[in-house]
Amino acid sequence: MVIDSNRTSIGFLILLFFTFAYYFKLDYLVLIILSLLVIYELNKSGFLSHSYDYFFLVIYLLTLPIIYFNYSIINSFNLILIIFSFIIIFKPKFYKKKLFLIATLIFIQNFFAILIYSRELFYFIFFIAFYNDTLAYIFGRLLKGPLIIPNISPKKTWSGTLLSFILTFIIINQFDYHFIVSVLLSISLFFGDIFFSFIKRINNLKDFSSILGGHGGILDRLDSMFIFIIIMNFYI
């Protein structure tokens, strides 16, 4: 098995960054940095291409105080996100970039909502997603085997996905989440990744950016959390 040393070193730096942020309680700084990098990648990838796209950014910023004072409203936004996601999947040419732009901004709203609810849960989500992605990468490289959806995700194998699902489920379940919830959360990491891979394929993108070297961009690292964080916000 050949492991990309550049990818490994950057992965270690990402882990170190989140550990440092957690220890020194730099939670909102982390969220601001992630949000700015996501906006940068949306612009670089062509999802922010017109002046009225920035109207959505303003609306996004205006919703944050509302979420702060009324946490439960995030689930209303998530219903919009789910509807837009289905439209993107089944009607990919129907304002696909605008719908994905709004869906991504709602996705970031979810991190804000989670952080308001619990900073421990905020970091737990990142840990679980990175843990799952790392296992899928290692087992996929080690065991290889058939690909799941090669035309959408050309590197995702059955072996890496199944083993990462099982081990991630075990970890989540150890934190006293219900069996069914643990299953849903574990499998959602795969579908979140696939959804973002689908977005990249229909827009002829390899990665949203190359800011993290072998890891791609920030959105390429956050993708598996897309459905996970929606389920979590509904659950709590």
Protein backbone atom coordinates (compact mmCIF):
# COMPACT_ATOMS: atom_id res chain seq x y z
CA MET A 1 0.00 0.00 0.00
CA VAL A 2 1.33 3.44 -0.99
CA ILE A 3 0.27 6.32 1.23
CA ASP A 4 0.51 9.88 -0.08
CA SER A 5 2.99 11.50 2.34
CA ASN A 6 1.81 15.01 1.42
CA ARG A 7 -1.81 14.06 2.13
CA THR A 8 -0.76 12.46 5.44
CA SER A 9 1.22 15.49 6.61
CA ILE A 10 -1.59 17.90 5.74
CA GLY A 11 -4.09 15.62 7.50
CA PHE A 12 -1.88 15.75 10.61
CA LEU A 13 -1.75 19.56 10.43
CA ILE A 14 -5.55 19.73 10.14
CA LEU A 15 -5.89 17.51 13.22
CA LEU A 16 -3.35 19.67 15.07
CA PHE A 17 -5.26 22.82 14.09
CA PHE A 18 -8.55 21.51 15.51
CA THR A 19 -6.85 20.21 18.65
CA PHE A 20 -5.24 23.62 19.22
CA ALA A 21 -8.57 25.41 18.57
CA TYR A 22 -10.43 23.13 20.97
CA TYR A 23 -7.88 23.50 23.76
CA PHE A 24 -7.74 27.32 23.51
CA LYS A 25 -11.49 27.66 22.81
CA LEU A 26 -11.06 29.34 19.43
CA ASP A 27 -14.36 27.89 18.24
CA TYR A 28 -15.82 30.94 16.51
CA LEU A 29 -12.47 31.76 14.93
CA VAL A 30 -12.49 28.25 13.42
CA LEU A 31 -16.01 28.80 12.11
CA ILE A 32 -15.12 32.19 10.61
CA ILE A 33 -12.02 30.75 8.90
CA LEU A 34 -14.01 27.81 7.50
CA SER A 35 -16.78 30.12 6.28
CA LEU A 36 -14.35 32.48 4.54
CA LEU A 37 -12.55 29.56 2.89
CA VAL A 38 -15.86 28.06 1.75
CA ILE A 39 -16.87 31.41 0.21
CA TYR A 40 -13.45 31.60 -1.48
CA GLU A 41 -13.94 28.13 -2.95
CA LEU A 42 -17.48 28.85 -4.09
CA ASN A 43 -16.14 31.90 -5.90
CA LYS A 44 -13.14 30.03 -7.36
CA SER A 45 -15.36 27.17 -8.56
CA GLY A 46 -17.85 29.48 -10.29
CA PHE A 47 -20.74 29.21 -7.85
CA LEU A 48 -20.41 32.91 -7.03
CA SER A 49 -20.46 34.35 -10.53
CA HIS A 50 -23.04 37.17 -10.49
CA SER A 51 -23.63 40.21 -8.32
CA TYR A 52 -26.94 38.83 -7.07
CA ASP A 53 -25.12 35.75 -5.73
CA TYR A 54 -23.76 38.01 -3.01
CA PHE A 55 -27.35 38.74 -2.04
CA PHE A 56 -27.47 35.12 -0.82
CA LEU A 57 -24.34 35.77 1.22
CA VAL A 58 -25.97 38.78 2.88
CA ILE A 59 -29.09 36.73 3.67
CA TYR A 60 -26.84 34.01 5.11
CA LEU A 61 -25.14 36.51 7.43
CA LEU A 62 -28.49 37.98 8.51
CA THR A 63 -29.79 34.54 9.51
CA LEU A 64 -26.96 33.90 11.98
CA PRO A 65 -28.34 36.17 14.74
CA ILE A 66 -31.77 34.55 14.24
CA ILE A 67 -30.25 31.09 14.74
CA TYR A 68 -28.34 32.34 17.76
CA PHE A 69 -31.54 33.45 19.52
CA ASN A 70 -33.77 30.69 18.14
CA TYR A 71 -31.71 27.54 17.62
CA SER A 72 -34.68 25.41 16.51
CA ILE A 73 -35.15 27.47 13.33
CA ILE A 74 -32.17 25.67 11.78
CA ASN A 75 -34.42 22.71 11.05
CA SER A 76 -36.65 24.94 8.93
CA PHE A 77 -33.61 25.93 6.91
CA ASN A 78 -32.66 22.26 6.68
CA LEU A 79 -36.00 21.41 5.10
CA ILE A 80 -35.15 23.93 2.37
CA LEU A 81 -31.70 22.37 2.06
CA ILE A 82 -33.18 18.87 1.64
CA ILE A 83 -35.63 20.07 -1.03
CA PHE A 84 -32.90 21.89 -2.94
CA SER A 85 -30.62 18.84 -2.71
CA PHE A 86 -33.27 16.61 -4.30
CA ILE A 87 -33.85 19.17 -7.06
CA ILE A 88 -30.11 19.29 -7.73
CA ILE A 89 -29.90 15.48 -7.92
CA PHE A 90 -32.95 14.87 -10.10
CA LYS A 91 -32.94 18.16 -12.05
CA PRO A 92 -29.21 18.90 -12.32
CA LYS A 93 -29.66 21.60 -14.99
CA PHE A 94 -32.30 23.53 -13.06
CA TYR A 95 -30.32 26.46 -11.60
CA LYS A 96 -27.92 23.86 -10.24
CA LYS A 97 -25.21 26.35 -9.25
CA LYS A 98 -27.59 28.70 -7.44
CA LEU A 99 -29.28 25.88 -5.58
CA PHE A 100 -25.92 24.42 -4.56
CA LEU A 101 -24.73 27.86 -3.43
CA ILE A 102 -27.75 28.25 -1.15
CA ALA A 103 -27.49 24.63 0.04
CA THR A 104 -23.83 25.17 0.95
CA LEU A 105 -24.60 28.34 2.90
CA ILE A 106 -27.33 26.49 4.83
CA PHE A 107 -24.76 23.72 5.40
CA ILE A 108 -22.46 26.28 7.07
CA GLN A 109 -25.43 27.58 9.09
CA ASN A 110 -25.64 24.10 10.58
CA PHE A 111 -22.11 24.36 11.98
CA PHE A 112 -23.05 27.67 13.58
CA ALA A 113 -26.17 26.08 15.10
CA ILE A 114 -24.23 23.08 16.41
CA LEU A 115 -21.62 25.35 17.97
CA ILE A 116 -24.36 27.29 19.76
CA TYR A 117 -25.79 24.03 21.07
CA SER A 118 -22.50 22.40 22.15
CA ARG A 119 -18.86 23.05 21.34
CA GLU A 120 -18.05 19.42 22.24
CA LEU A 121 -20.54 18.23 19.61
CA PHE A 122 -19.08 20.70 17.12
CA TYR A 123 -15.63 19.12 17.41
CA PHE A 124 -17.06 15.61 17.69
CA ILE A 125 -18.58 15.99 14.21
CA PHE A 126 -15.22 16.99 12.74
CA PHE A 127 -13.48 14.14 14.53
CA ILE A 128 -15.98 11.53 13.31
CA ALA A 129 -15.86 12.78 9.72
CA PHE A 130 -12.05 12.85 9.59
CA TYR A 131 -11.90 9.47 11.32
CA ASN A 132 -14.30 7.97 8.77
CA ASP A 133 -12.55 9.55 5.77
CA THR A 134 -9.15 8.37 6.98
CA LEU A 135 -10.36 4.79 7.49
CA ALA A 136 -12.01 4.75 4.07
CA TYR A 137 -8.80 6.03 2.49
CA ILE A 138 -6.51 3.55 4.30
CA PHE A 139 -8.68 0.46 3.81
CA GLY A 140 -9.46 1.44 0.22
CA ARG A 141 -5.73 1.68 -0.54
CA LEU A 142 -4.91 -1.47 1.43
CA LEU A 143 -7.64 -3.81 0.22
CA LYS A 144 -8.59 -2.16 -3.08
CA GLY A 145 -11.37 -4.10 -4.82
CA PRO A 146 -14.34 -2.89 -6.89
CA LEU A 147 -15.42 0.74 -6.95
CA ILE A 148 -18.91 1.73 -5.82
CA ILE A 149 -19.84 4.53 -8.25
CA PRO A 150 -16.78 5.05 -10.48
CA ASN A 151 -18.45 7.64 -12.72
CA ILE A 152 -19.09 9.89 -9.69
CA SER A 153 -16.42 8.95 -7.16
CA PRO A 154 -13.55 7.21 -9.03
CA LYS A 155 -11.59 6.22 -5.90
CA LYS A 156 -14.28 5.06 -3.47
CA THR A 157 -14.15 1.29 -2.97
CA TRP A 158 -16.61 -1.11 -1.36
CA SER A 159 -13.90 -2.36 1.01
CA GLY A 160 -12.93 1.08 2.31
CA THR A 161 -16.52 2.26 2.58
CA LEU A 162 -17.90 -0.81 4.38
CA LEU A 163 -15.05 -1.06 6.89
CA SER A 164 -15.10 2.67 7.62
CA PHE A 165 -18.88 2.48 8.07
CA ILE A 166 -18.60 -0.39 10.59
CA LEU A 167 -15.81 1.20 12.63
CA THR A 168 -17.44 4.63 12.58
CA PHE A 169 -20.74 3.09 13.72
CA ILE A 170 -18.94 1.45 16.66
CA ILE A 171 -17.40 4.77 17.74
CA ILE A 172 -20.67 6.73 17.47
CA ASN A 173 -22.59 4.02 19.30
CA GLN A 174 -20.05 4.18 22.14
CA PHE A 175 -21.15 7.77 22.74
CA ASP A 176 -24.62 6.48 23.69
CA TYR A 177 -26.38 7.35 20.45
CA HIS A 178 -29.33 5.09 19.65
CA PHE A 179 -28.50 2.11 17.42
CA ILE A 180 -30.62 3.40 14.50
CA VAL A 181 -29.23 6.93 14.85
CA SER A 182 -25.68 5.55 14.88
CA VAL A 183 -26.39 3.63 11.66
CA LEU A 184 -27.93 6.67 9.97
CA LEU A 185 -25.08 8.95 11.01
CA SER A 186 -22.43 6.46 9.88
CA ILE A 187 -23.96 5.85 6.46
CA SER A 188 -24.70 9.56 5.96
CA LEU A 189 -20.95 10.24 5.76
CA PHE A 190 -20.82 8.19 2.57
CA PHE A 191 -23.85 9.86 0.99
CA GLY A 192 -22.62 13.36 1.86
CA ASP A 193 -19.34 12.58 0.12
CA ILE A 194 -21.16 11.17 -2.92
CA PHE A 195 -23.48 14.19 -3.13
CA PHE A 196 -20.56 16.61 -3.29
CA SER A 197 -18.73 14.34 -5.76
CA PHE A 198 -21.87 14.45 -7.92
CA ILE A 199 -21.85 18.27 -7.78
CA LYS A 200 -18.21 18.29 -8.87
CA ARG A 201 -18.81 15.87 -11.75
CA ILE A 202 -21.75 17.81 -13.24
CA ASN A 203 -19.67 20.99 -12.99
CA ASN A 204 -16.50 19.36 -14.37
CA LEU A 205 -14.53 19.97 -11.19
CA LYS A 206 -11.89 17.67 -9.73
CA ASP A 207 -11.79 19.54 -6.42
CA PHE A 208 -13.31 22.78 -5.16
CA SER A 209 -9.76 24.10 -4.71
CA SER A 210 -6.23 22.87 -4.01
CA ILE A 211 -5.78 24.84 -0.80
CA LEU A 212 -5.17 21.63 1.22
CA GLY A 213 -2.92 19.96 -1.34
CA GLY A 214 -3.76 16.26 -1.66
CA HIS A 215 -6.97 16.80 0.32
CA GLY A 216 -8.36 19.26 -2.22
CA GLY A 217 -10.23 22.18 -0.70
CA ILE A 218 -12.16 22.85 2.50
CA LEU A 219 -15.43 21.78 0.87
CA ASP A 220 -13.74 18.56 -0.23
CA ARG A 221 -13.03 17.84 3.46
CA LEU A 222 -16.39 18.98 4.78
CA ASP A 223 -18.45 17.09 2.17
CA SER A 224 -19.02 13.92 4.20
CA MET A 225 -20.53 16.01 7.02
CA PHE A 226 -23.27 17.42 4.76
CA ILE A 227 -26.06 14.95 5.63
CA PHE A 228 -24.52 13.98 8.98
CA ILE A 229 -24.93 17.46 10.45
CA ILE A 230 -28.52 17.77 9.20
CA ILE A 231 -29.45 14.50 10.93
CA MET A 232 -27.64 15.63 14.06
CA ASN A 233 -29.53 18.92 14.22
CA PHE A 234 -32.86 17.13 13.81
CA TYR A 235 -31.84 14.56 16.42
CA ILE A 236 -30.82 17.01 19.14
